[in-house]
């Protein structure tokens, strides 16, 4: 079944961020905060939502993007002190 992933990066991971993102994941409507690490790169916090393609309407895509952007921007600002996007 084809899937669509909506994804954004929030900033570099810190040891204390794990508990924070676990708490945040309880209240977010769309997406989940995760720690991702590519080989040779520092770990980073991301937010990702995966939706079956047959369910994704333009309205749902817009709702998901707006919700993820708002949540990810808040965490990005806490991690980095700036909003890069």
C-alpha atoms as a PDB file:
ATOM      1  CA  UNK A   1       0.000   0.000   0.000  1.00  0.00           C
ATOM      2  CA  UNK A   2       1.580   3.330  -1.050  1.00  0.00           C
ATOM      3  CA  UNK A   3       2.335   5.756   1.763  1.00  0.00           C
ATOM      4  CA  UNK A   4       3.014   9.473   1.940  1.00  0.00           C
ATOM      5  CA  UNK A   5       5.399  10.856   4.560  1.00  0.00           C
ATOM      6  CA  UNK A   6       5.312  14.426   5.816  1.00  0.00           C
ATOM      7  CA  UNK A   7       8.545  15.241   7.614  1.00  0.00           C
ATOM      8  CA  UNK A   8      10.491  18.103   9.164  1.00  0.00           C
ATOM      9  CA  UNK A   9      13.703  18.497  11.135  1.00  0.00           C
ATOM     10  CA  UNK A  10      13.674  20.309  14.488  1.00  0.00           C
ATOM     11  CA  UNK A  11      17.351  20.408  15.473  1.00  0.00           C
ATOM     12  CA  UNK A  12      20.143  18.412  17.041  1.00  0.00           C
ATOM     13  CA  UNK A  13      19.166  15.964  19.739  1.00  0.00           C
ATOM     14  CA  UNK A  14      20.245  16.460  23.330  1.00  0.00           C
ATOM     15  CA  UNK A  15      20.228  13.927  26.184  1.00  0.00           C
ATOM     16  CA  UNK A  16      17.412  15.736  27.990  1.00  0.00           C
ATOM     17  CA  UNK A  17      15.172  15.962  24.916  1.00  0.00           C
ATOM     18  CA  UNK A  18      13.997  12.316  25.061  1.00  0.00           C
ATOM     19  CA  UNK A  19      11.621  12.865  27.993  1.00  0.00           C
ATOM     20  CA  UNK A  20      10.368  16.109  26.457  1.00  0.00           C
ATOM     21  CA  UNK A  21       9.510  14.590  23.090  1.00  0.00           C
ATOM     22  CA  UNK A  22       7.826  11.628  24.785  1.00  0.00           C
ATOM     23  CA  UNK A  23       5.526  14.060  26.626  1.00  0.00           C
ATOM     24  CA  UNK A  24       4.877  16.093  23.493  1.00  0.00           C
ATOM     25  CA  UNK A  25       3.992  12.975  21.494  1.00  0.00           C
ATOM     26  CA  UNK A  26       1.047  12.370  23.823  1.00  0.00           C
ATOM     27  CA  UNK A  27      -0.612  15.658  22.867  1.00  0.00           C
ATOM     28  CA  UNK A  28       0.193  16.166  19.169  1.00  0.00           C
ATOM     29  CA  UNK A  29      -2.650  15.587  16.740  1.00  0.00           C
ATOM     30  CA  UNK A  30      -0.490  14.563  13.783  1.00  0.00           C
ATOM     31  CA  UNK A  31       3.027  13.242  13.551  1.00  0.00           C
ATOM     32  CA  UNK A  32       5.439  12.036  16.172  1.00  0.00           C
ATOM     33  CA  UNK A  33       8.745  13.404  17.340  1.00  0.00           C
ATOM     34  CA  UNK A  34      11.580  10.945  16.808  1.00  0.00           C
ATOM     35  CA  UNK A  35      15.352  10.855  17.127  1.00  0.00           C
ATOM     36  CA  UNK A  36      17.046  10.061  13.824  1.00  0.00           C
ATOM     37  CA  UNK A  37      20.730   9.519  13.210  1.00  0.00           C
ATOM     38  CA  UNK A  38      22.430   8.978   9.898  1.00  0.00           C
ATOM     39  CA  UNK A  39      25.840   7.375   9.850  1.00  0.00           C
ATOM     40  CA  UNK A  40      28.560   9.856  10.720  1.00  0.00           C
ATOM     41  CA  UNK A  41      26.073  12.637  11.550  1.00  0.00           C
ATOM     42  CA  UNK A  42      24.863  13.989  14.904  1.00  0.00           C
ATOM     43  CA  UNK A  43      21.490  12.726  16.111  1.00  0.00           C
ATOM     44  CA  UNK A  44      18.621  15.066  15.323  1.00  0.00           C
ATOM     45  CA  UNK A  45      15.019  15.457  16.374  1.00  0.00           C
ATOM     46  CA  UNK A  46      12.520  15.107  13.561  1.00  0.00           C
ATOM     47  CA  UNK A  47       8.759  15.078  13.308  1.00  0.00           C
ATOM     48  CA  UNK A  48       7.101  12.667  10.899  1.00  0.00           C
ATOM     49  CA  UNK A  49       3.593  11.604   9.886  1.00  0.00           C
ATOM     50  CA  UNK A  50       2.917   8.756   7.477  1.00  0.00           C
ATOM     51  CA  UNK A  51      -0.472   8.489   5.781  1.00  0.00           C
ATOM     52  CA  UNK A  52      -1.800   5.886   3.345  1.00  0.00           C
ATOM     53  CA  UNK A  53      -1.917   7.596  -0.037  1.00  0.00           C
ATOM     54  CA  UNK A  54      -5.568   6.654  -0.635  1.00  0.00           C
ATOM     55  CA  UNK A  55      -6.571   8.616   2.517  1.00  0.00           C
ATOM     56  CA  UNK A  56      -4.622  11.767   1.715  1.00  0.00           C
ATOM     57  CA  UNK A  57      -6.879  14.519   0.432  1.00  0.00           C
ATOM     58  CA  UNK A  58      -5.677  18.077  -0.174  1.00  0.00           C
ATOM     59  CA  UNK A  59      -7.557  19.160   2.952  1.00  0.00           C
ATOM     60  CA  UNK A  60      -5.971  16.474   5.128  1.00  0.00           C
ATOM     61  CA  UNK A  61      -2.509  17.231   3.732  1.00  0.00           C
ATOM     62  CA  UNK A  62      -2.949  20.912   4.596  1.00  0.00           C
ATOM     63  CA  UNK A  63      -4.180  20.094   8.109  1.00  0.00           C
ATOM     64  CA  UNK A  64      -1.238  17.756   8.752  1.00  0.00           C
ATOM     65  CA  UNK A  65       1.369  20.173   7.384  1.00  0.00           C
ATOM     66  CA  UNK A  66       0.022  23.062   9.460  1.00  0.00           C
ATOM     67  CA  UNK A  67      -0.159  20.983  12.655  1.00  0.00           C
ATOM     68  CA  UNK A  68       3.328  19.537  12.226  1.00  0.00           C
ATOM     69  CA  UNK A  69       4.809  22.912  11.321  1.00  0.00           C
ATOM     70  CA  UNK A  70       3.389  24.537  14.448  1.00  0.00           C
ATOM     71  CA  UNK A  71       4.586  21.787  16.805  1.00  0.00           C
ATOM     72  CA  UNK A  72       7.985  21.379  15.150  1.00  0.00           C
ATOM     73  CA  UNK A  73       8.620  25.134  15.125  1.00  0.00           C
ATOM     74  CA  UNK A  74       8.036  25.326  18.873  1.00  0.00           C
ATOM     75  CA  UNK A  75      10.509  22.548  19.561  1.00  0.00           C
ATOM     76  CA  UNK A  76      12.998  23.889  17.010  1.00  0.00           C
ATOM     77  CA  UNK A  77      12.973  27.260  18.767  1.00  0.00           C
ATOM     78  CA  UNK A  78      13.552  25.585  22.157  1.00  0.00           C
ATOM     79  CA  UNK A  79      16.450  23.544  20.769  1.00  0.00           C
ATOM     80  CA  UNK A  80      18.143  26.175  18.635  1.00  0.00           C
ATOM     81  CA  UNK A  81      16.830  29.555  19.705  1.00  0.00           C
ATOM     82  CA  UNK A  82      15.775  30.306  16.119  1.00  0.00           C
ATOM     83  CA  UNK A  83      13.093  29.343  13.622  1.00  0.00           C
ATOM     84  CA  UNK A  84      14.905  28.548  10.380  1.00  0.00           C
ATOM     85  CA  UNK A  85      11.843  27.756   8.274  1.00  0.00           C
END
